[in-house]
Amino acid sequence: MCRRKENEAVGLTKGGKGSKVILVTDGQGVPIGALVHSAQPAEIQLAEATLKTVRVPRRWGRPRTRSHTLVADKGDDSEVFRQSLRRRGLQPCIQRRSNQRRRGRKPDLTPYRSRWVIERAVSWLGHFRRLVVRYERSVEVYWAFVVLAFILTCLG
């Protein structure tokens, strides 16, 4: 059995200690997967682990673990990540960074217009002071407050 360190999701950054919450939402902004991790690594390094947290229950059978399209921001722009999404059967809709070379035809970014839904879900978490200013040392307690915030935003 693997034991977690007590401060696994609190890491040192330039501005002190910090953690980040990475969300996966549905088309309405309801969180269906999340990951709490140290603020030090880039989001692209945590994207695969965050996608593995998605479990949408259905009436019968196994829960759904993927959708048709994944809309992500420029921070997740990587050809390796795009290829892994295609292998999983997901259509990536990720805007290219300005320093990337343009290859081939221009991608269809019409699903990217719904990116504001994801940003709105992230801003809902910003309404909870307990999550903005992290008082807890334990990852489990902080994760419990994140889940409680998800529940309150879905009910309200």
N, C-alpha and C. Protein backbone atom coordinates (compact mmCIF):
# COMPACT_ATOMS: atom_id res chain seq x y z
N MET A 1 0.84 -1.17 0.00
CA MET A 1 0.00 0.00 0.00
C MET A 1 0.89 1.24 0.00
N CYS A 2 0.53 2.19 -0.80
CA CYS A 2 1.32 3.41 -0.95
C CYS A 2 0.82 4.47 0.02
N ARG A 3 1.72 5.09 0.73
CA ARG A 3 1.35 6.17 1.67
C ARG A 3 1.68 7.51 1.03
N ARG A 4 0.79 8.46 1.24
CA ARG A 4 1.02 9.82 0.75
C ARG A 4 1.75 10.62 1.80
N LYS A 5 2.58 11.51 1.31
CA LYS A 5 3.16 12.48 2.23
C LYS A 5 2.09 13.49 2.60
N GLU A 6 2.20 14.05 3.76
CA GLU A 6 1.17 14.98 4.22
C GLU A 6 1.10 16.23 3.37
N ASN A 7 2.22 16.71 2.86
CA ASN A 7 2.24 17.95 2.09
C ASN A 7 2.52 17.70 0.62
N GLU A 8 1.97 16.61 0.06
CA GLU A 8 2.25 16.22 -1.31
C GLU A 8 1.78 17.28 -2.31
N ALA A 9 0.67 17.94 -2.06
CA ALA A 9 0.14 18.91 -3.02
C ALA A 9 0.53 20.33 -2.68
N VAL A 10 1.47 20.52 -1.78
CA VAL A 10 1.97 21.85 -1.49
C VAL A 10 3.44 21.85 -1.86
N GLY A 11 3.78 22.63 -2.86
CA GLY A 11 5.16 22.66 -3.31
C GLY A 11 5.73 24.06 -3.27
N LEU A 12 7.03 24.15 -3.24
CA LEU A 12 7.69 25.45 -3.23
C LEU A 12 7.65 26.07 -4.62
N THR A 13 7.35 27.34 -4.67
CA THR A 13 7.39 28.12 -5.90
C THR A 13 8.21 29.37 -5.63
N LYS A 14 8.30 30.26 -6.61
CA LYS A 14 9.06 31.49 -6.42
C LYS A 14 8.43 32.38 -5.36
N GLY A 15 7.11 32.33 -5.27
CA GLY A 15 6.41 33.19 -4.31
C GLY A 15 6.09 32.50 -3.00
N GLY A 16 6.64 31.34 -2.73
CA GLY A 16 6.36 30.60 -1.50
C GLY A 16 5.75 29.26 -1.83
N LYS A 17 4.95 28.74 -0.91
CA LYS A 17 4.31 27.46 -1.12
C LYS A 17 2.98 27.66 -1.83
N GLY A 18 2.60 26.70 -2.66
CA GLY A 18 1.35 26.82 -3.37
C GLY A 18 0.88 25.51 -3.94
N SER A 19 -0.38 25.49 -4.34
CA SER A 19 -0.97 24.32 -4.98
C SER A 19 -1.91 24.80 -6.07
N LYS A 20 -2.22 23.91 -7.01
CA LYS A 20 -3.14 24.27 -8.09
C LYS A 20 -4.19 23.19 -8.24
N VAL A 21 -5.37 23.64 -8.64
CA VAL A 21 -6.49 22.76 -8.91
C VAL A 21 -6.71 22.79 -10.41
N ILE A 22 -6.68 21.62 -11.06
CA ILE A 22 -6.89 21.52 -12.49
C ILE A 22 -8.23 20.84 -12.72
N LEU A 23 -9.09 21.46 -13.53
CA LEU A 23 -10.46 20.99 -13.72
C LEU A 23 -10.69 20.41 -15.10
N VAL A 24 -11.62 19.46 -15.15
CA VAL A 24 -12.23 18.99 -16.39
C VAL A 24 -13.73 19.18 -16.19
N THR A 25 -14.37 19.92 -17.09
CA THR A 25 -15.80 20.18 -16.96
C THR A 25 -16.53 19.66 -18.18
N ASP A 26 -17.85 19.53 -18.03
CA ASP A 26 -18.67 19.20 -19.19
C ASP A 26 -19.03 20.49 -19.92
N GLY A 27 -19.90 20.42 -20.89
CA GLY A 27 -20.25 21.58 -21.69
C GLY A 27 -21.01 22.65 -20.95
N GLN A 28 -21.57 22.31 -19.78
CA GLN A 28 -22.32 23.27 -18.99
C GLN A 28 -21.48 23.90 -17.87
N GLY A 29 -20.26 23.44 -17.69
CA GLY A 29 -19.39 23.98 -16.65
C GLY A 29 -19.43 23.19 -15.36
N VAL A 30 -20.09 22.05 -15.36
CA VAL A 30 -20.15 21.20 -14.16
C VAL A 30 -18.87 20.37 -14.10
N PRO A 31 -18.13 20.45 -13.00
CA PRO A 31 -16.87 19.70 -12.90
C PRO A 31 -17.11 18.19 -12.91
N ILE A 32 -16.38 17.48 -13.78
CA ILE A 32 -16.50 16.03 -13.84
C ILE A 32 -15.18 15.35 -13.50
N GLY A 33 -14.13 16.13 -13.33
CA GLY A 33 -12.84 15.59 -12.96
C GLY A 33 -11.95 16.72 -12.48
N ALA A 34 -11.07 16.41 -11.53
CA ALA A 34 -10.18 17.44 -11.00
C ALA A 34 -8.95 16.78 -10.40
N LEU A 35 -7.93 17.60 -10.24
CA LEU A 35 -6.68 17.14 -9.64
C LEU A 35 -6.09 18.28 -8.84
N VAL A 36 -5.65 17.98 -7.63
CA VAL A 36 -4.94 18.95 -6.79
C VAL A 36 -3.48 18.53 -6.79
N HIS A 37 -2.62 19.47 -7.13
CA HIS A 37 -1.20 19.16 -7.20
C HIS A 37 -0.40 20.37 -6.78
N SER A 38 0.88 20.17 -6.61
CA SER A 38 1.77 21.26 -6.29
C SER A 38 1.76 22.29 -7.42
N ALA A 39 1.99 23.55 -7.10
CA ALA A 39 1.93 24.60 -8.11
C ALA A 39 3.17 24.65 -8.98
N GLN A 40 4.17 23.86 -8.68
CA GLN A 40 5.44 23.94 -9.40
C GLN A 40 5.39 23.38 -10.82
N PRO A 41 4.88 22.17 -11.07
CA PRO A 41 4.95 21.65 -12.45
C PRO A 41 3.98 22.37 -13.38
N ALA A 42 4.31 22.35 -14.66
CA ALA A 42 3.44 22.96 -15.67
C ALA A 42 2.18 22.12 -15.83
N GLU A 43 1.12 22.77 -16.31
CA GLU A 43 -0.16 22.08 -16.44
C GLU A 43 -0.12 20.96 -17.47
N ILE A 44 0.72 21.09 -18.49
CA ILE A 44 0.80 20.06 -19.51
C ILE A 44 1.31 18.75 -18.92
N GLN A 45 2.13 18.82 -17.89
CA GLN A 45 2.64 17.62 -17.23
C GLN A 45 1.56 16.93 -16.41
N LEU A 46 0.54 17.67 -16.00
CA LEU A 46 -0.53 17.11 -15.17
C LEU A 46 -1.80 16.82 -15.96
N ALA A 47 -1.80 17.12 -17.26
CA ALA A 47 -3.03 16.98 -18.05
C ALA A 47 -3.49 15.52 -18.16
N GLU A 48 -2.57 14.60 -18.42
CA GLU A 48 -2.95 13.19 -18.55
C GLU A 48 -3.52 12.65 -17.23
N ALA A 49 -2.89 13.01 -16.12
CA ALA A 49 -3.38 12.54 -14.82
C ALA A 49 -4.75 13.12 -14.51
N THR A 50 -5.01 14.35 -14.94
CA THR A 50 -6.30 14.98 -14.71
C THR A 50 -7.38 14.30 -15.53
N LEU A 51 -7.07 13.94 -16.77
CA LEU A 51 -8.06 13.27 -17.61
C LEU A 51 -8.41 11.88 -17.09
N LYS A 52 -7.50 11.26 -16.37
CA LYS A 52 -7.78 9.94 -15.80
C LYS A 52 -8.74 10.01 -14.61
N THR A 53 -8.98 11.21 -14.07
CA THR A 53 -9.90 11.34 -12.94
C THR A 53 -11.36 11.44 -13.38
N VAL A 54 -11.61 11.52 -14.68
CA VAL A 54 -12.98 11.69 -15.18
C VAL A 54 -13.72 10.36 -15.07
N ARG A 55 -14.82 10.37 -14.34
CA ARG A 55 -15.71 9.21 -14.20
C ARG A 55 -17.13 9.74 -14.13
N VAL A 56 -17.85 9.66 -15.25
CA VAL A 56 -19.24 10.12 -15.30
C VAL A 56 -20.14 8.90 -15.21
N PRO A 57 -20.89 8.75 -14.11
CA PRO A 57 -21.73 7.56 -13.96
C PRO A 57 -22.89 7.55 -14.96
N ARG A 58 -23.24 6.35 -15.38
CA ARG A 58 -24.39 6.15 -16.26
C ARG A 58 -25.38 5.24 -15.57
N ARG A 59 -26.55 5.14 -16.14
CA ARG A 59 -27.57 4.29 -15.53
C ARG A 59 -27.14 2.83 -15.52
N TRP A 60 -26.59 2.35 -16.64
CA TRP A 60 -26.10 0.98 -16.72
C TRP A 60 -24.68 0.98 -17.22
N GLY A 61 -23.93 -0.01 -16.79
CA GLY A 61 -22.58 -0.20 -17.30
C GLY A 61 -21.53 0.63 -16.58
N ARG A 62 -20.35 0.60 -17.17
CA ARG A 62 -19.22 1.33 -16.60
C ARG A 62 -19.40 2.83 -16.78
N PRO A 63 -18.79 3.61 -15.91
CA PRO A 63 -18.87 5.07 -16.09
C PRO A 63 -18.09 5.52 -17.31
N ARG A 64 -18.55 6.60 -17.92
CA ARG A 64 -17.86 7.17 -19.08
C ARG A 64 -16.57 7.83 -18.62
N THR A 65 -15.52 7.66 -19.41
CA THR A 65 -14.24 8.25 -19.05
C THR A 65 -13.74 9.23 -20.10
N ARG A 66 -14.47 9.40 -21.18
CA ARG A 66 -14.03 10.36 -22.19
C ARG A 66 -15.23 10.91 -22.95
N SER A 67 -14.99 12.04 -23.58
CA SER A 67 -16.02 12.66 -24.39
C SER A 67 -15.55 12.68 -25.84
N HIS A 68 -16.14 13.54 -26.64
CA HIS A 68 -15.76 13.60 -28.06
C HIS A 68 -14.66 14.62 -28.30
N THR A 69 -14.75 15.78 -27.64
CA THR A 69 -13.83 16.87 -27.89
C THR A 69 -13.23 17.35 -26.58
N LEU A 70 -11.96 17.71 -26.61
CA LEU A 70 -11.31 18.30 -25.46
C LEU A 70 -10.86 19.71 -25.84
N VAL A 71 -11.39 20.70 -25.14
CA VAL A 71 -11.01 22.09 -25.36
C VAL A 71 -10.04 22.48 -24.27
N ALA A 72 -8.86 22.92 -24.66
CA ALA A 72 -7.83 23.30 -23.69
C ALA A 72 -7.19 24.62 -24.12
N ASP A 73 -6.48 25.25 -23.20
CA ASP A 73 -5.86 26.54 -23.51
C ASP A 73 -4.46 26.34 -24.10
N LYS A 74 -3.79 27.44 -24.36
CA LYS A 74 -2.48 27.39 -25.02
C LYS A 74 -1.42 26.72 -24.15
N GLY A 75 -1.63 26.67 -22.85
CA GLY A 75 -0.66 26.03 -21.96
C GLY A 75 -0.54 24.54 -22.20
N ASP A 76 -1.56 23.94 -22.81
CA ASP A 76 -1.56 22.51 -23.09
C ASP A 76 -1.18 22.21 -24.53
N ASP A 77 -0.61 23.18 -25.23
CA ASP A 77 -0.23 23.01 -26.63
C ASP A 77 1.05 22.20 -26.72
N SER A 78 0.91 20.95 -27.15
CA SER A 78 2.04 20.06 -27.34
C SER A 78 1.63 19.00 -28.35
N GLU A 79 2.48 18.72 -29.29
CA GLU A 79 2.14 17.73 -30.31
C GLU A 79 2.05 16.34 -29.70
N VAL A 80 2.85 16.04 -28.70
CA VAL A 80 2.79 14.75 -28.02
C VAL A 80 1.44 14.59 -27.31
N PHE A 81 0.98 15.67 -26.66
CA PHE A 81 -0.30 15.62 -25.97
C PHE A 81 -1.44 15.48 -26.97
N ARG A 82 -1.36 16.16 -28.10
CA ARG A 82 -2.39 16.04 -29.13
C ARG A 82 -2.47 14.61 -29.66
N GLN A 83 -1.32 13.99 -29.89
CA GLN A 83 -1.31 12.62 -30.39
C GLN A 83 -1.87 11.64 -29.36
N SER A 84 -1.57 11.87 -28.08
CA SER A 84 -2.12 10.97 -27.06
C SER A 84 -3.63 11.13 -26.95
N LEU A 85 -4.14 12.35 -27.16
CA LEU A 85 -5.58 12.55 -27.16
C LEU A 85 -6.24 11.84 -28.33
N ARG A 86 -5.61 11.91 -29.49
CA ARG A 86 -6.17 11.22 -30.66
C ARG A 86 -6.16 9.72 -30.48
N ARG A 87 -5.14 9.18 -29.82
CA ARG A 87 -5.09 7.74 -29.55
C ARG A 87 -6.21 7.32 -28.62
N ARG A 88 -6.60 8.21 -27.71
CA ARG A 88 -7.70 7.91 -26.79
C ARG A 88 -9.07 8.12 -27.42
N GLY A 89 -9.11 8.64 -28.64
CA GLY A 89 -10.37 8.87 -29.32
C GLY A 89 -10.96 10.25 -29.08
N LEU A 90 -10.17 11.18 -28.58
CA LEU A 90 -10.63 12.54 -28.32
C LEU A 90 -10.16 13.46 -29.44
N GLN A 91 -11.03 14.38 -29.83
CA GLN A 91 -10.66 15.40 -30.82
C GLN A 91 -10.10 16.60 -30.07
N PRO A 92 -8.80 16.91 -30.19
CA PRO A 92 -8.24 18.05 -29.46
C PRO A 92 -8.61 19.38 -30.13
N CYS A 93 -8.98 20.34 -29.33
CA CYS A 93 -9.24 21.70 -29.79
C CYS A 93 -8.38 22.61 -28.91
N ILE A 94 -7.11 22.74 -29.29
CA ILE A 94 -6.14 23.49 -28.51
C ILE A 94 -5.55 24.57 -29.41
N GLN A 95 -5.62 25.79 -28.98
CA GLN A 95 -5.06 26.89 -29.76
C GLN A 95 -3.54 26.80 -29.72
N ARG A 96 -2.91 27.07 -30.83
CA ARG A 96 -1.45 27.00 -30.90
C ARG A 96 -0.82 28.23 -30.26
N ARG A 97 0.35 28.02 -29.65
CA ARG A 97 1.10 29.15 -29.11
C ARG A 97 1.69 29.97 -30.25
N SER A 98 2.00 31.20 -29.96
CA SER A 98 2.49 32.09 -31.02
C SER A 98 3.89 31.71 -31.49
N ASN A 99 4.67 31.02 -30.67
CA ASN A 99 6.03 30.64 -31.07
C ASN A 99 6.07 29.30 -31.80
N GLN A 100 4.92 28.67 -32.01
CA GLN A 100 4.86 27.39 -32.73
C GLN A 100 4.83 27.64 -34.23
N ARG A 101 5.49 26.78 -34.97
CA ARG A 101 5.42 26.86 -36.42
C ARG A 101 4.07 26.32 -36.89
N ARG A 102 3.53 26.95 -37.89
CA ARG A 102 2.26 26.52 -38.45
C ARG A 102 2.54 25.43 -39.49
N ARG A 103 1.96 24.27 -39.27
CA ARG A 103 2.11 23.18 -40.23
C ARG A 103 0.75 22.76 -40.73
N GLY A 104 0.65 22.48 -42.01
CA GLY A 104 -0.59 21.96 -42.57
C GLY A 104 -1.69 23.00 -42.62
N ARG A 105 -2.91 22.51 -42.67
CA ARG A 105 -4.05 23.42 -42.76
C ARG A 105 -4.42 23.97 -41.40
N LYS A 106 -5.19 25.01 -41.40
CA LYS A 106 -5.60 25.68 -40.17
C LYS A 106 -6.62 24.81 -39.43
N PRO A 107 -6.43 24.57 -38.14
CA PRO A 107 -7.36 23.69 -37.41
C PRO A 107 -8.70 24.37 -37.18
N ASP A 108 -9.74 23.55 -37.00
CA ASP A 108 -11.07 24.05 -36.72
C ASP A 108 -11.17 24.35 -35.22
N LEU A 109 -11.30 25.62 -34.88
CA LEU A 109 -11.35 26.04 -33.48
C LEU A 109 -12.74 26.51 -33.06
N THR A 110 -13.78 26.07 -33.74
CA THR A 110 -15.13 26.50 -33.34
C THR A 110 -15.51 26.01 -31.95
N PRO A 111 -15.11 24.81 -31.50
CA PRO A 111 -15.43 24.45 -30.12
C PRO A 111 -14.71 25.31 -29.09
N TYR A 112 -13.63 26.01 -29.51
CA TYR A 112 -12.86 26.83 -28.57
C TYR A 112 -13.67 28.02 -28.07
N ARG A 113 -14.74 28.37 -28.78
CA ARG A 113 -15.60 29.46 -28.34
C ARG A 113 -16.27 29.16 -27.01
N SER A 114 -16.40 27.89 -26.67
CA SER A 114 -17.02 27.52 -25.40
C SER A 114 -16.02 27.47 -24.25
N ARG A 115 -14.81 27.95 -24.46
CA ARG A 115 -13.78 27.96 -23.42
C ARG A 115 -14.19 28.79 -22.22
N TRP A 116 -15.03 29.81 -22.42
CA TRP A 116 -15.48 30.66 -21.32
C TRP A 116 -16.23 29.86 -20.27
N VAL A 117 -16.84 28.74 -20.65
CA VAL A 117 -17.55 27.91 -19.68
C VAL A 117 -16.56 27.33 -18.67
N ILE A 118 -15.41 26.93 -19.14
CA ILE A 118 -14.38 26.37 -18.26
C ILE A 118 -13.83 27.46 -17.35
N GLU A 119 -13.58 28.63 -17.93
CA GLU A 119 -13.07 29.74 -17.13
C GLU A 119 -14.08 30.16 -16.07
N ARG A 120 -15.36 30.09 -16.40
CA ARG A 120 -16.40 30.41 -15.42
C ARG A 120 -16.39 29.41 -14.26
N ALA A 121 -16.19 28.13 -14.57
CA ALA A 121 -16.14 27.11 -13.51
C ALA A 121 -14.93 27.34 -12.60
N VAL A 122 -13.82 27.77 -13.16
CA VAL A 122 -12.63 28.06 -12.35
C VAL A 122 -12.90 29.28 -11.47
N SER A 123 -13.62 30.28 -12.02
CA SER A 123 -13.91 31.46 -11.22
C SER A 123 -14.89 31.16 -10.09
N TRP A 124 -15.76 30.16 -10.27
CA TRP A 124 -16.65 29.76 -9.18
C TRP A 124 -15.84 29.30 -7.97
N LEU A 125 -14.74 28.62 -8.22
CA LEU A 125 -13.89 28.19 -7.11
C LEU A 125 -13.24 29.38 -6.41
N GLY A 126 -13.06 30.47 -7.14
CA GLY A 126 -12.46 31.66 -6.55
C GLY A 126 -13.38 32.37 -5.56
N HIS A 127 -14.65 32.00 -5.53
CA HIS A 127 -15.58 32.59 -4.58
C HIS A 127 -15.47 31.98 -3.18
N PHE A 128 -14.70 30.94 -3.05
CA PHE A 128 -14.53 30.27 -1.76
C PHE A 128 -13.17 30.64 -1.20
N ARG A 129 -13.19 31.45 -0.15
CA ARG A 129 -11.95 31.96 0.43
C ARG A 129 -11.07 30.82 0.93
N ARG A 130 -11.70 29.77 1.39
CA ARG A 130 -10.95 28.64 1.93
C ARG A 130 -10.06 28.00 0.86
N LEU A 131 -10.46 28.12 -0.41
CA LEU A 131 -9.66 27.55 -1.50
C LEU A 131 -8.64 28.54 -2.04
N VAL A 132 -8.98 29.83 -2.00
CA VAL A 132 -8.06 30.84 -2.51
C VAL A 132 -6.85 30.99 -1.59
N VAL A 133 -7.13 31.14 -0.31
CA VAL A 133 -6.07 31.20 0.70
C VAL A 133 -6.04 29.83 1.35
N ARG A 134 -5.01 29.08 1.09
CA ARG A 134 -4.97 27.70 1.56
C ARG A 134 -4.49 27.66 3.00
N TYR A 135 -5.40 27.28 3.90
CA TYR A 135 -5.07 27.18 5.32
C TYR A 135 -4.68 25.76 5.72
N GLU A 136 -5.11 24.77 4.97
CA GLU A 136 -4.90 23.37 5.35
C GLU A 136 -3.51 22.89 4.97
N ARG A 137 -2.95 22.08 5.82
CA ARG A 137 -1.67 21.44 5.50
C ARG A 137 -1.89 20.11 4.81
N SER A 138 -2.99 19.45 5.15
CA SER A 138 -3.28 18.13 4.63
C SER A 138 -3.93 18.22 3.25
N VAL A 139 -3.48 17.39 2.33
CA VAL A 139 -4.04 17.35 0.99
C VAL A 139 -5.47 16.84 1.02
N GLU A 140 -5.73 15.86 1.87
CA GLU A 140 -7.07 15.28 1.94
C GLU A 140 -8.11 16.30 2.41
N VAL A 141 -7.75 17.13 3.37
CA VAL A 141 -8.68 18.15 3.86
C VAL A 141 -8.91 19.21 2.78
N TYR A 142 -7.86 19.61 2.09
CA TYR A 142 -8.01 20.60 1.02
C TYR A 142 -8.87 20.03 -0.10
N TRP A 143 -8.65 18.77 -0.47
CA TRP A 143 -9.45 18.13 -1.51
C TRP A 143 -10.92 18.04 -1.08
N ALA A 144 -11.17 17.80 0.19
CA ALA A 144 -12.55 17.75 0.68
C ALA A 144 -13.23 19.12 0.52
N PHE A 145 -12.51 20.20 0.76
CA PHE A 145 -13.09 21.53 0.56
C PHE A 145 -13.31 21.83 -0.92
N VAL A 146 -12.44 21.32 -1.79
CA VAL A 146 -12.64 21.49 -3.23
C VAL A 146 -13.91 20.77 -3.67
N VAL A 147 -14.10 19.54 -3.20
CA VAL A 147 -15.32 18.78 -3.54
C VAL A 147 -16.55 19.46 -2.97
N LEU A 148 -16.46 19.98 -1.77
CA LEU A 148 -17.59 20.71 -1.19
C LEU A 148 -17.92 21.95 -2.02
N ALA A 149 -16.92 22.63 -2.51
CA ALA A 149 -17.15 23.80 -3.38
C ALA A 149 -17.83 23.37 -4.68
N PHE A 150 -17.43 22.22 -5.23
CA PHE A 150 -18.09 21.70 -6.44
C PHE A 150 -19.56 21.43 -6.16
N ILE A 151 -19.84 20.81 -5.03
CA ILE A 151 -21.23 20.48 -4.68
C ILE A 151 -22.05 21.75 -4.53
N LEU A 152 -21.51 22.73 -3.84
CA LEU A 152 -22.26 23.98 -3.62
C LEU A 152 -22.50 24.74 -4.93
N THR A 153 -21.54 24.73 -5.83
CA THR A 153 -21.75 25.42 -7.12
C THR A 153 -22.75 24.67 -7.99
N CYS A 154 -22.77 23.36 -7.90
CA CYS A 154 -23.74 22.60 -8.70
C CYS A 154 -25.16 22.76 -8.15
N LEU A 155 -25.30 22.90 -6.84
CA LEU A 155 -26.62 23.06 -6.25
C LEU A 155 -27.15 24.48 -6.35
N GLY A 156 -26.23 25.46 -6.36
CA GLY A 156 -26.65 26.86 -6.31
C GLY A 156 -26.91 27.45 -7.59
